[in-house]
Amino acid sequence: MRIVIDENVSYGVVERLRMKGHDVIPISELPARGISDEDVYALTVREQAVLVTRDYHFTNPIRFPAEKTAGIIYIRHGNLKSEEEIMLMENFLHEYDPEVFLGKLVTLYRDSVKIR
């Protein structure tokens, strides 16, 4: 799966997803670091990728429609440790087939998942 990882997500998530064989595009590795939300979204659309972010702005369906992407995964809690973020992502990707969240907004909580 092709996945864009926003700068606000732990780099440990990048490393773990790469170990699992995913094609990961970390914003933190791009030459133009600190790019706008609009540019992150445009990259996600262009790459037909899933976006993983902790930025609440990406939950706005008018500004960032998930249906133009392979999905937007928003990690809800602001005070997670790196290992907790990694486990949330691993558990989610293990439990859900990508077709389930294709073009959808996913909100990951510590104890639940919301897909819309």
PDB file of N, CA and C in Angstrom:
ATOM      1  N   MET A   1       0.846  -1.174   0.000  1.00  0.00           N
ATOM      2  CA  MET A   1       0.000   0.000   0.000  1.00  0.00           C
ATOM      3  C   MET A   1       0.892   1.237   0.000  1.00  0.00           C
ATOM      4  N   ARG A   2       0.501   2.230  -0.759  1.00  0.00           N
ATOM      5  CA  ARG A   2       1.233   3.501  -0.805  1.00  0.00           C
ATOM      6  C   ARG A   2       0.653   4.414   0.275  1.00  0.00           C
ATOM      7  N   ILE A   3       1.526   4.940   1.131  1.00  0.00           N
ATOM      8  CA  ILE A   3       1.089   5.724   2.283  1.00  0.00           C
ATOM      9  C   ILE A   3       1.931   6.988   2.406  1.00  0.00           C
ATOM     10  N   VAL A   4       1.260   8.140   2.475  1.00  0.00           N
ATOM     11  CA  VAL A   4       1.922   9.413   2.768  1.00  0.00           C
ATOM     12  C   VAL A   4       1.824   9.624   4.278  1.00  0.00           C
ATOM     13  N   ILE A   5       2.951   9.892   4.914  1.00  0.00           N
ATOM     14  CA  ILE A   5       2.983  10.119   6.361  1.00  0.00           C
ATOM     15  C   ILE A   5       3.278  11.595   6.604  1.00  0.00           C
ATOM     16  N   ASP A   6       2.339  12.279   7.237  1.00  0.00           N
ATOM     17  CA  ASP A   6       2.496  13.699   7.549  1.00  0.00           C
ATOM     18  C   ASP A   6       3.635  13.889   8.553  1.00  0.00           C
ATOM     19  N   GLU A   7       4.185  15.098   8.577  1.00  0.00           N
ATOM     20  CA  GLU A   7       5.313  15.412   9.469  1.00  0.00           C
ATOM     21  C   GLU A   7       4.976  15.267  10.948  1.00  0.00           C
ATOM     22  N   ASN A   8       3.705  15.369  11.291  1.00  0.00           N
ATOM     23  CA  ASN A   8       3.318  15.338  12.699  1.00  0.00           C
ATOM     24  C   ASN A   8       3.128  13.924  13.239  1.00  0.00           C
ATOM     25  N   VAL A   9       3.396  12.921  12.427  1.00  0.00           N
ATOM     26  CA  VAL A   9       3.296  11.522  12.844  1.00  0.00           C
ATOM     27  C   VAL A   9       4.704  11.027  13.171  1.00  0.00           C
ATOM     28  N   SER A  10       4.820  10.240  14.211  1.00  0.00           N
ATOM     29  CA  SER A  10       6.110   9.723  14.648  1.00  0.00           C
ATOM     30  C   SER A  10       6.851   9.017  13.512  1.00  0.00           C
ATOM     31  N   TYR A  11       8.151   9.268  13.419  1.00  0.00           N
ATOM     32  CA  TYR A  11       8.948   8.616  12.380  1.00  0.00           C
ATOM     33  C   TYR A  11       9.000   7.101  12.582  1.00  0.00           C
ATOM     34  N   GLY A  12       8.748   6.668  13.803  1.00  0.00           N
ATOM     35  CA  GLY A  12       8.676   5.230  14.065  1.00  0.00           C
ATOM     36  C   GLY A  12       7.598   4.550  13.237  1.00  0.00           C
ATOM     37  N   VAL A  13       6.517   5.258  12.939  1.00  0.00           N
ATOM     38  CA  VAL A  13       5.453   4.720  12.089  1.00  0.00           C
ATOM     39  C   VAL A  13       6.000   4.487  10.680  1.00  0.00           C
ATOM     40  N   VAL A  14       6.779   5.431  10.176  1.00  0.00           N
ATOM     41  CA  VAL A  14       7.401   5.297   8.849  1.00  0.00           C
ATOM     42  C   VAL A  14       8.252   4.030   8.811  1.00  0.00           C
ATOM     43  N   GLU A  15       9.125   3.895   9.789  1.00  0.00           N
ATOM     44  CA  GLU A  15      10.042   2.751   9.822  1.00  0.00           C
ATOM     45  C   GLU A  15       9.293   1.428   9.898  1.00  0.00           C
ATOM     46  N   ARG A  16       8.287   1.363  10.757  1.00  0.00           N
ATOM     47  CA  ARG A  16       7.544   0.109  10.927  1.00  0.00           C
ATOM     48  C   ARG A  16       6.754  -0.251   9.679  1.00  0.00           C
ATOM     49  N   LEU A  17       6.117   0.732   9.052  1.00  0.00           N
ATOM     50  CA  LEU A  17       5.346   0.448   7.840  1.00  0.00           C
ATOM     51  C   LEU A  17       6.261   0.017   6.697  1.00  0.00           C
ATOM     52  N   ARG A  18       7.435   0.593   6.620  1.00  0.00           N
ATOM     53  CA  ARG A  18       8.407   0.149   5.608  1.00  0.00           C
ATOM     54  C   ARG A  18       8.834  -1.293   5.873  1.00  0.00           C
ATOM     55  N   MET A  19       9.063  -1.623   7.146  1.00  0.00           N
ATOM     56  CA  MET A  19       9.430  -2.999   7.498  1.00  0.00           C
ATOM     57  C   MET A  19       8.333  -3.980   7.091  1.00  0.00           C
ATOM     58  N   LYS A  20       7.095  -3.526   7.115  1.00  0.00           N
ATOM     59  CA  LYS A  20       5.956  -4.376   6.750  1.00  0.00           C
ATOM     60  C   LYS A  20       5.740  -4.417   5.237  1.00  0.00           C
ATOM     61  N   GLY A  21       6.584  -3.712   4.474  1.00  0.00           N
ATOM     62  CA  GLY A  21       6.523  -3.776   3.026  1.00  0.00           C
ATOM     63  C   GLY A  21       5.692  -2.706   2.343  1.00  0.00           C
ATOM     64  N   HIS A  22       5.236  -1.712   3.090  1.00  0.00           N
ATOM     65  CA  HIS A  22       4.446  -0.638   2.491  1.00  0.00           C
ATOM     66  C   HIS A  22       5.354   0.372   1.785  1.00  0.00           C
ATOM     67  N   ASP A  23       4.814   1.003   0.757  1.00  0.00           N
ATOM     68  CA  ASP A  23       5.500   2.060   0.015  1.00  0.00           C
ATOM     69  C   ASP A  23       5.177   3.377   0.721  1.00  0.00           C
ATOM     70  N   VAL A  24       6.099   3.850   1.537  1.00  0.00           N
ATOM     71  CA  VAL A  24       5.842   4.989   2.415  1.00  0.00           C
ATOM     72  C   VAL A  24       6.531   6.246   1.880  1.00  0.00           C
ATOM     73  N   ILE A  25       5.765   7.345   1.862  1.00  0.00           N
ATOM     74  CA  ILE A  25       6.291   8.653   1.460  1.00  0.00           C
ATOM     75  C   ILE A  25       6.185   9.581   2.669  1.00  0.00           C
ATOM     76  N   PRO A  26       7.261   9.727   3.444  1.00  0.00           N
ATOM     77  CA  PRO A  26       7.219  10.628   4.594  1.00  0.00           C
ATOM     78  C   PRO A  26       7.438  12.077   4.155  1.00  0.00           C
ATOM     79  N   ILE A  27       6.559  12.949   4.568  1.00  0.00           N
ATOM     80  CA  ILE A  27       6.716  14.374   4.259  1.00  0.00           C
ATOM     81  C   ILE A  27       8.046  14.879   4.818  1.00  0.00           C
ATOM     82  N   SER A  28       8.467  14.327   5.951  1.00  0.00           N
ATOM     83  CA  SER A  28       9.719  14.772   6.585  1.00  0.00           C
ATOM     84  C   SER A  28      10.953  14.468   5.741  1.00  0.00           C
ATOM     85  N   GLU A  29      10.843  13.595   4.750  1.00  0.00           N
ATOM     86  CA  GLU A  29      11.986  13.273   3.896  1.00  0.00           C
ATOM     87  C   GLU A  29      11.982  14.048   2.578  1.00  0.00           C
ATOM     88  N   LEU A  30      10.939  14.824   2.330  1.00  0.00           N
ATOM     89  CA  LEU A  30      10.879  15.597   1.094  1.00  0.00           C
ATOM     90  C   LEU A  30      11.798  16.815   1.199  1.00  0.00           C
ATOM     91  N   PRO A  31      12.340  17.275   0.069  1.00  0.00           N
ATOM     92  CA  PRO A  31      13.226  18.448   0.107  1.00  0.00           C
ATOM     93  C   PRO A  31      12.536  19.687   0.673  1.00  0.00           C
ATOM     94  N   ALA A  32      11.251  19.847   0.380  1.00  0.00           N
ATOM     95  CA  ALA A  32      10.501  21.030   0.836  1.00  0.00           C
ATOM     96  C   ALA A  32       9.748  20.694   2.115  1.00  0.00           C
ATOM     97  N   ARG A  33      10.458  20.598   3.218  1.00  0.00           N
ATOM     98  CA  ARG A  33       9.814  20.305   4.504  1.00  0.00           C
ATOM     99  C   ARG A  33       8.949  21.480   4.919  1.00  0.00           C
ATOM    100  N   GLY A  34       7.937  21.187   5.721  1.00  0.00           N
ATOM    101  CA  GLY A  34       7.042  22.237   6.177  1.00  0.00           C
ATOM    102  C   GLY A  34       6.068  22.677   5.107  1.00  0.00           C
ATOM    103  N   ILE A  35       5.748  21.778   4.175  1.00  0.00           N
ATOM    104  CA  ILE A  35       4.831  22.151   3.097  1.00  0.00           C
ATOM    105  C   ILE A  35       3.410  22.310   3.637  1.00  0.00           C
ATOM    106  N   SER A  36       2.597  23.021   2.899  1.00  0.00           N
ATOM    107  CA  SER A  36       1.230  23.327   3.340  1.00  0.00           C
ATOM    108  C   SER A  36       0.360  22.076   3.351  1.00  0.00           C
ATOM    109  N   ASP A  37      -0.737  22.155   4.097  1.00  0.00           N
ATOM    110  CA  ASP A  37      -1.708  21.061   4.114  1.00  0.00           C
ATOM    111  C   ASP A  37      -2.220  20.781   2.706  1.00  0.00           C
ATOM    112  N   GLU A  38      -2.438  21.835   1.934  1.00  0.00           N
ATOM    113  CA  GLU A  38      -2.936  21.675   0.570  1.00  0.00           C
ATOM    114  C   GLU A  38      -1.942  20.894  -0.287  1.00  0.00           C
ATOM    115  N   ASP A  39      -0.651  21.148  -0.096  1.00  0.00           N
ATOM    116  CA  ASP A  39       0.364  20.423  -0.860  1.00  0.00           C
ATOM    117  C   ASP A  39       0.475  18.965  -0.406  1.00  0.00           C
ATOM    118  N   VAL A  40       0.319  18.721   0.890  1.00  0.00           N
ATOM    119  CA  VAL A  40       0.311  17.342   1.399  1.00  0.00           C
ATOM    120  C   VAL A  40      -0.867  16.590   0.786  1.00  0.00           C
ATOM    121  N   TYR A  41      -2.027  17.223   0.773  1.00  0.00           N
ATOM    122  CA  TYR A  41      -3.224  16.607   0.203  1.00  0.00           C
ATOM    123  C   TYR A  41      -3.041  16.358  -1.300  1.00  0.00           C
ATOM    124  N   ALA A  42      -2.515  17.343  -2.025  1.00  0.00           N
ATOM    125  CA  ALA A  42      -2.296  17.193  -3.471  1.00  0.00           C
ATOM    126  C   ALA A  42      -1.347  16.029  -3.765  1.00  0.00           C
ATOM    127  N   LEU A  43      -0.301  15.882  -2.965  1.00  0.00           N
ATOM    128  CA  LEU A  43       0.626  14.762  -3.120  1.00  0.00           C
ATOM    129  C   LEU A  43      -0.101  13.437  -2.898  1.00  0.00           C
ATOM    130  N   THR A  44      -0.930  13.388  -1.871  1.00  0.00           N
ATOM    131  CA  THR A  44      -1.684  12.174  -1.561  1.00  0.00           C
ATOM    132  C   THR A  44      -2.605  11.800  -2.718  1.00  0.00           C
ATOM    133  N   VAL A  45      -3.291  12.778  -3.274  1.00  0.00           N
ATOM    134  CA  VAL A  45      -4.188  12.537  -4.415  1.00  0.00           C
ATOM    135  C   VAL A  45      -3.374  12.079  -5.625  1.00  0.00           C
ATOM    136  N   ARG A  46      -2.306  12.788  -5.923  1.00  0.00           N
ATOM    137  CA  ARG A  46      -1.470  12.475  -7.093  1.00  0.00           C
ATOM    138  C   ARG A  46      -0.889  11.065  -7.001  1.00  0.00           C
ATOM    139  N   GLU A  47      -0.473  10.669  -5.811  1.00  0.00           N
ATOM    140  CA  GLU A  47       0.138   9.353  -5.606  1.00  0.00           C
ATOM    141  C   GLU A  47      -0.903   8.249  -5.385  1.00  0.00           C
ATOM    142  N   GLN A  48      -2.184   8.626  -5.352  1.00  0.00           N
ATOM    143  CA  GLN A  48      -3.275   7.680  -5.070  1.00  0.00           C
ATOM    144  C   GLN A  48      -2.965   6.902  -3.792  1.00  0.00           C
ATOM    145  N   ALA A  49      -2.583   7.658  -2.775  1.00  0.00           N
ATOM    146  CA  ALA A  49      -2.100   7.084  -1.527  1.00  0.00           C
ATOM    147  C   ALA A  49      -3.093   7.294  -0.392  1.00  0.00           C
ATOM    148  N   VAL A  50      -2.803   6.626   0.707  1.00  0.00           N
ATOM    149  CA  VAL A  50      -3.474   6.851   1.984  1.00  0.00           C
ATOM    150  C   VAL A  50      -2.649   7.909   2.715  1.00  0.00           C
ATOM    151  N   LEU A  51      -3.311   8.864   3.348  1.00  0.00           N
ATOM    152  CA  LEU A  51      -2.620   9.864   4.163  1.00  0.00           C
ATOM    153  C   LEU A  51      -2.794   9.506   5.628  1.00  0.00           C
ATOM    154  N   VAL A  52      -1.688   9.466   6.364  1.00  0.00           N
ATOM    155  CA  VAL A  52      -1.723   9.273   7.814  1.00  0.00           C
ATOM    156  C   VAL A  52      -1.279  10.585   8.439  1.00  0.00           C
ATOM    157  N   THR A  53      -2.116  11.136   9.328  1.00  0.00           N
ATOM    158  CA  THR A  53      -1.846  12.454   9.890  1.00  0.00           C
ATOM    159  C   THR A  53      -2.380  12.562  11.312  1.00  0.00           C
ATOM    160  N   ARG A  54      -1.880  13.560  12.020  1.00  0.00           N
ATOM    161  CA  ARG A  54      -2.433  13.937  13.321  1.00  0.00           C
ATOM    162  C   ARG A  54      -3.026  15.342  13.242  1.00  0.00           C
ATOM    163  N   ASP A  55      -3.106  15.877  12.046  1.00  0.00           N
ATOM    164  CA  ASP A  55      -3.592  17.233  11.804  1.00  0.00           C
ATOM    165  C   ASP A  55      -5.111  17.216  11.628  1.00  0.00           C
ATOM    166  N   TYR A  56      -5.809  17.844  12.551  1.00  0.00           N
ATOM    167  CA  TYR A  56      -7.276  17.874  12.539  1.00  0.00           C
ATOM    168  C   TYR A  56      -7.843  18.508  11.274  1.00  0.00           C
ATOM    169  N   HIS A  57      -7.107  19.402  10.646  1.00  0.00           N
ATOM    170  CA  HIS A  57      -7.597  20.067   9.430  1.00  0.00           C
ATOM    171  C   HIS A  57      -7.994  19.070   8.350  1.00  0.00           C
ATOM    172  N   PHE A  58      -7.318  17.924   8.298  1.00  0.00           N
ATOM    173  CA  PHE A  58      -7.609  16.933   7.260  1.00  0.00           C
ATOM    174  C   PHE A  58      -8.929  16.200   7.480  1.00  0.00           C
ATOM    175  N   THR A  59      -9.598  16.467   8.586  1.00  0.00           N
ATOM    176  CA  THR A  59     -10.921  15.862   8.807  1.00  0.00           C
ATOM    177  C   THR A  59     -12.030  16.696   8.179  1.00  0.00           C
ATOM    178  N   ASN A  60     -11.693  17.840   7.599  1.00  0.00           N
ATOM    179  CA  ASN A  60     -12.674  18.711   6.948  1.00  0.00           C
ATOM    180  C   ASN A  60     -12.968  18.171   5.545  1.00  0.00           C
ATOM    181  N   PRO A  61     -14.167  17.583   5.332  1.00  0.00           N
ATOM    182  CA  PRO A  61     -14.461  16.946   4.044  1.00  0.00           C
ATOM    183  C   PRO A  61     -14.637  17.921   2.884  1.00  0.00           C
ATOM    184  N   ILE A  62     -14.878  19.178   3.179  1.00  0.00           N
ATOM    185  CA  ILE A  62     -15.015  20.165   2.107  1.00  0.00           C
ATOM    186  C   ILE A  62     -13.627  20.572   1.607  1.00  0.00           C
ATOM    187  N   ARG A  63     -12.737  20.816   2.532  1.00  0.00           N
ATOM    188  CA  ARG A  63     -11.378  21.240   2.175  1.00  0.00           C
ATOM    189  C   ARG A  63     -10.516  20.081   1.670  1.00  0.00           C
ATOM    190  N   PHE A  64     -10.687  18.899   2.288  1.00  0.00           N
ATOM    191  CA  PHE A  64      -9.875  17.728   1.944  1.00  0.00           C
ATOM    192  C   PHE A  64     -10.765  16.495   1.785  1.00  0.00           C
ATOM    193  N   PRO A  65     -11.479  16.377   0.659  1.00  0.00           N
ATOM    194  CA  PRO A  65     -12.376  15.233   0.473  1.00  0.00           C
ATOM    195  C   PRO A  65     -11.608  13.907   0.392  1.00  0.00           C
ATOM    196  N   ALA A  66     -11.902  13.022   1.315  1.00  0.00           N
ATOM    197  CA  ALA A  66     -11.203  11.732   1.382  1.00  0.00           C
ATOM    198  C   ALA A  66     -11.442  10.885   0.144  1.00  0.00           C
ATOM    199  N   GLU A  67     -12.596  11.069  -0.514  1.00  0.00           N
ATOM    200  CA  GLU A  67     -12.914  10.225  -1.670  1.00  0.00           C
ATOM    201  C   GLU A  67     -11.968  10.433  -2.856  1.00  0.00           C
ATOM    202  N   LYS A  68     -11.178  11.488  -2.840  1.00  0.00           N
ATOM    203  CA  LYS A  68     -10.188  11.703  -3.905  1.00  0.00           C
ATOM    204  C   LYS A  68      -8.863  11.008  -3.596  1.00  0.00           C
ATOM    205  N   THR A  69      -8.782  10.388  -2.423  1.00  0.00           N
ATOM    206  CA  THR A  69      -7.569   9.706  -1.974  1.00  0.00           C
ATOM    207  C   THR A  69      -7.865   8.216  -1.793  1.00  0.00           C
ATOM    208  N   ALA A  70      -6.843   7.472  -1.433  1.00  0.00           N
ATOM    209  CA  ALA A  70      -7.043   6.069  -1.060  1.00  0.00           C
ATOM    210  C   ALA A  70      -7.496   5.968   0.396  1.00  0.00           C
ATOM    211  N   GLY A  71      -7.697   7.117   1.038  1.00  0.00           N
ATOM    212  CA  GLY A  71      -8.148   7.172   2.425  1.00  0.00           C
ATOM    213  C   GLY A  71      -7.314   8.162   3.224  1.00  0.00           C
ATOM    214  N   ILE A  72      -7.936   8.733   4.243  1.00  0.00           N
ATOM    215  CA  ILE A  72      -7.231   9.616   5.174  1.00  0.00           C
ATOM    216  C   ILE A  72      -7.381   9.001   6.555  1.00  0.00           C
ATOM    217  N   ILE A  73      -6.261   8.740   7.203  1.00  0.00           N
ATOM    218  CA  ILE A  73      -6.262   8.172   8.551  1.00  0.00           C
ATOM    219  C   ILE A  73      -5.790   9.256   9.508  1.00  0.00           C
ATOM    220  N   TYR A  74      -6.707   9.672  10.366  1.00  0.00           N
ATOM    221  CA  TYR A  74      -6.424  10.721  11.351  1.00  0.00           C
ATOM    222  C   TYR A  74      -6.220  10.068  12.711  1.00  0.00           C
ATOM    223  N   ILE A  75      -5.041  10.228  13.284  1.00  0.00           N
ATOM    224  CA  ILE A  75      -4.744   9.711  14.625  1.00  0.00           C
ATOM    225  C   ILE A  75      -5.182  10.769  15.621  1.00  0.00           C
ATOM    226  N   ARG A  76      -6.199  10.457  16.396  1.00  0.00           N
ATOM    227  CA  ARG A  76      -6.939  11.432  17.193  1.00  0.00           C
ATOM    228  C   ARG A  76      -6.200  11.974  18.409  1.00  0.00           C
ATOM    229  N   HIS A  77      -5.558  11.147  19.173  1.00  0.00           N
ATOM    230  CA  HIS A  77      -4.991  11.594  20.451  1.00  0.00           C
ATOM    231  C   HIS A  77      -3.681  12.344  20.271  1.00  0.00           C
ATOM    232  N   GLY A  78      -3.555  13.474  20.966  1.00  0.00           N
ATOM    233  CA  GLY A  78      -2.369  14.302  20.845  1.00  0.00           C
ATOM    234  C   GLY A  78      -1.228  13.913  21.749  1.00  0.00           C
ATOM    235  N   ASN A  79      -1.482  13.073  22.739  1.00  0.00           N
ATOM    236  CA  ASN A  79      -0.433  12.766  23.712  1.00  0.00           C
ATOM    237  C   ASN A  79       0.021  11.306  23.644  1.00  0.00           C
ATOM    238  N   LEU A  80       0.025  10.733  22.450  1.00  0.00           N
ATOM    239  CA  LEU A  80       0.479   9.359  22.287  1.00  0.00           C
ATOM    240  C   LEU A  80       2.000   9.303  22.184  1.00  0.00           C
ATOM    241  N   LYS A  81       2.569   8.264  22.742  1.00  0.00           N
ATOM    242  CA  LYS A  81       3.988   8.000  22.557  1.00  0.00           C
ATOM    243  C   LYS A  81       4.171   7.361  21.184  1.00  0.00           C
ATOM    244  N   SER A  82       5.390   7.410  20.696  1.00  0.00           N
ATOM    245  CA  SER A  82       5.695   6.852  19.377  1.00  0.00           C
ATOM    246  C   SER A  82       5.234   5.401  19.262  1.00  0.00           C
ATOM    247  N   GLU A  83       5.538   4.599  20.253  1.00  0.00           N
ATOM    248  CA  GLU A  83       5.163   3.178  20.207  1.00  0.00           C
ATOM    249  C   GLU A  83       3.645   2.998  20.171  1.00  0.00           C
ATOM    250  N   GLU A  84       2.913   3.891  20.833  1.00  0.00           N
ATOM    251  CA  GLU A  84       1.446   3.815  20.789  1.00  0.00           C
ATOM    252  C   GLU A  84       0.923   4.132  19.388  1.00  0.00           C
ATOM    253  N   GLU A  85       1.510   5.129  18.729  1.00  0.00           N
ATOM    254  CA  GLU A  85       1.121   5.439  17.343  1.00  0.00           C
ATOM    255  C   GLU A  85       1.393   4.244  16.438  1.00  0.00           C
ATOM    256  N   ILE A  86       2.555   3.650  16.609  1.00  0.00           N
ATOM    257  CA  ILE A  86       2.931   2.495  15.792  1.00  0.00           C
ATOM    258  C   ILE A  86       1.926   1.367  15.988  1.00  0.00           C
ATOM    259  N   MET A  87       1.580   1.073  17.233  1.00  0.00           N
ATOM    260  CA  MET A  87       0.638  -0.017  17.514  1.00  0.00           C
ATOM    261  C   MET A  87      -0.747   0.288  16.963  1.00  0.00           C
ATOM    262  N   LEU A  88      -1.199   1.539  17.083  1.00  0.00           N
ATOM    263  CA  LEU A  88      -2.503   1.907  16.515  1.00  0.00           C
ATOM    264  C   LEU A  88      -2.528   1.631  15.018  1.00  0.00           C
ATOM    265  N   MET A  89      -1.492   2.055  14.313  1.00  0.00           N
ATOM    266  CA  MET A  89      -1.438   1.857  12.867  1.00  0.00           C
ATOM    267  C   MET A  89      -1.324   0.383  12.509  1.00  0.00           C
ATOM    268  N   GLU A  90      -0.457  -0.335  13.185  1.00  0.00           N
ATOM    269  CA  GLU A  90      -0.293  -1.762  12.895  1.00  0.00           C
ATOM    270  C   GLU A  90      -1.595  -2.516  13.127  1.00  0.00           C
ATOM    271  N   ASN A  91      -2.235  -2.258  14.249  1.00  0.00           N
ATOM    272  CA  ASN A  91      -3.491  -2.946  14.558  1.00  0.00           C
ATOM    273  C   ASN A  91      -4.567  -2.615  13.536  1.00  0.00           C
ATOM    274  N   PHE A  92      -4.662  -1.343  13.162  1.00  0.00           N
ATOM    275  CA  PHE A  92      -5.677  -0.945  12.194  1.00  0.00           C
ATOM    276  C   PHE A  92      -5.443  -1.631  10.849  1.00  0.00           C
ATOM    277  N   LEU A  93      -4.220  -1.575  10.346  1.00  0.00           N
ATOM    278  CA  LEU A  93      -3.933  -2.163   9.037  1.00  0.00           C
ATOM    279  C   LEU A  93      -4.043  -3.681   9.052  1.00  0.00           C
ATOM    280  N   HIS A  94      -3.836  -4.286  10.208  1.00  0.00           N
ATOM    281  CA  HIS A  94      -3.999  -5.736  10.333  1.00  0.00           C
ATOM    282  C   HIS A  94      -5.481  -6.128  10.332  1.00  0.00           C
ATOM    283  N   GLU A  95      -6.309  -5.310  10.965  1.00  0.00           N
ATOM    284  CA  GLU A  95      -7.728  -5.643  11.134  1.00  0.00           C
ATOM    285  C   GLU A  95      -8.614  -5.222   9.970  1.00  0.00           C
ATOM    286  N   TYR A  96      -8.203  -4.216   9.197  1.00  0.00           N
ATOM    287  CA  TYR A  96      -9.067  -3.675   8.141  1.00  0.00           C
ATOM    288  C   TYR A  96      -8.424  -3.824   6.770  1.00  0.00           C
ATOM    289  N   ASP A  97      -9.204  -4.368   5.836  1.00  0.00           N
ATOM    290  CA  ASP A  97      -8.785  -4.472   4.448  1.00  0.00           C
ATOM    291  C   ASP A  97      -8.826  -3.070   3.834  1.00  0.00           C
ATOM    292  N   PRO A  98      -7.846  -2.701   3.006  1.00  0.00           N
ATOM    293  CA  PRO A  98      -7.835  -1.351   2.420  1.00  0.00           C
ATOM    294  C   PRO A  98      -9.120  -0.966   1.689  1.00  0.00           C
ATOM    295  N   GLU A  99      -9.850  -1.929   1.121  1.00  0.00           N
ATOM    296  CA  GLU A  99     -11.108  -1.599   0.439  1.00  0.00           C
ATOM    297  C   GLU A  99     -12.136  -1.005   1.398  1.00  0.00           C
ATOM    298  N   VAL A 100     -12.030  -1.361   2.671  1.00  0.00           N
ATOM    299  CA  VAL A 100     -12.983  -0.867   3.677  1.00  0.00           C
ATOM    300  C   VAL A 100     -12.845   0.641   3.863  1.00  0.00           C
ATOM    301  N   PHE A 101     -11.626   1.157   3.772  1.00  0.00           N
ATOM    302  CA  PHE A 101     -11.422   2.594   4.018  1.00  0.00           C
ATOM    303  C   PHE A 101     -11.000   3.367   2.772  1.00  0.00           C
ATOM    304  N   LEU A 102     -11.082   2.747   1.599  1.00  0.00           N
ATOM    305  CA  LEU A 102     -10.759   3.424   0.347  1.00  0.00           C
ATOM    306  C   LEU A 102     -11.657   4.641   0.161  1.00  0.00           C
ATOM    307  N   GLY A 103     -11.041   5.824   0.052  1.00  0.00           N
ATOM    308  CA  GLY A 103     -11.803   7.051  -0.129  1.00  0.00           C
ATOM    309  C   GLY A 103     -12.582   7.498   1.092  1.00  0.00           C
ATOM    310  N   LYS A 104     -12.214   6.996   2.262  1.00  0.00           N
ATOM    311  CA  LYS A 104     -12.931   7.327   3.504  1.00  0.00           C
ATOM    312  C   LYS A 104     -12.004   8.047   4.475  1.00  0.00           C
ATOM    313  N   LEU A 105     -12.641   8.718   5.433  1.00  0.00           N
ATOM    314  CA  LEU A 105     -11.912   9.322   6.544  1.00  0.00           C
ATOM    315  C   LEU A 105     -11.983   8.360   7.717  1.00  0.00           C
ATOM    316  N   VAL A 106     -10.826   7.973   8.208  1.00  0.00           N
ATOM    317  CA  VAL A 106     -10.724   7.067   9.348  1.00  0.00           C
ATOM    318  C   VAL A 106     -10.188   7.868  10.523  1.00  0.00           C
ATOM    319  N   THR A 107     -10.840   7.751  11.668  1.00  0.00           N
ATOM    320  CA  THR A 107     -10.320   8.360  12.892  1.00  0.00           C
ATOM    321  C   THR A 107      -9.920   7.232  13.826  1.00  0.00           C
ATOM    322  N   LEU A 108      -8.641   7.210  14.193  1.00  0.00           N
ATOM    323  CA  LEU A 108      -8.132   6.194  15.110  1.00  0.00           C
ATOM    324  C   LEU A 108      -8.101   6.759  16.521  1.00  0.00           C
ATOM    325  N   TYR A 109      -8.763   6.056  17.414  1.00  0.00           N
ATOM    326  CA  TYR A 109      -8.726   6.359  18.839  1.00  0.00           C
ATOM    327  C   TYR A 109      -7.947   5.245  19.520  1.00  0.00           C
ATOM    328  N   ARG A 110      -7.588   5.430  20.759  1.00  0.00           N
ATOM    329  CA  ARG A 110      -6.881   4.378  21.496  1.00  0.00           C
ATOM    330  C   ARG A 110      -7.680   3.081  21.534  1.00  0.00           C
ATOM    331  N   ASP A 111      -8.996   3.208  21.687  1.00  0.00           N
ATOM    332  CA  ASP A 111      -9.814   2.011  21.897  1.00  0.00           C
ATOM    333  C   ASP A 111     -10.896   1.788  20.846  1.00  0.00           C
ATOM    334  N   SER A 112     -10.880   2.568  19.765  1.00  0.00           N
ATOM    335  CA  SER A 112     -11.903   2.382  18.733  1.00  0.00           C
ATOM    336  C   SER A 112     -11.466   3.010  17.414  1.00  0.00           C
ATOM    337  N   VAL A 113     -12.253   2.708  16.385  1.00  0.00           N
ATOM    338  CA  VAL A 113     -12.006   3.226  15.040  1.00  0.00           C
ATOM    339  C   VAL A 113     -13.325   3.735  14.496  1.00  0.00           C
ATOM    340  N   LYS A 114     -13.288   4.884  13.842  1.00  0.00           N
ATOM    341  CA  LYS A 114     -14.480   5.443  13.197  1.00  0.00           C
ATOM    342  C   LYS A 114     -14.149   5.621  11.720  1.00  0.00           C
ATOM    343  N   ILE A 115     -14.975   5.039  10.852  1.00  0.00           N
ATOM    344  CA  ILE A 115     -14.773   5.148   9.406  1.00  0.00           C
ATOM    345  C   ILE A 115     -16.001   5.812   8.815  1.00  0.00           C
ATOM    346  N   ARG A 116     -15.781   6.917   8.096  1.00  0.00           N
ATOM    347  CA  ARG A 116     -16.921   7.590   7.455  1.00  0.00           C
ATOM    348  C   ARG A 116     -16.532   8.118   6.088  1.00  0.00           C
TER     349      ARG A 116
END
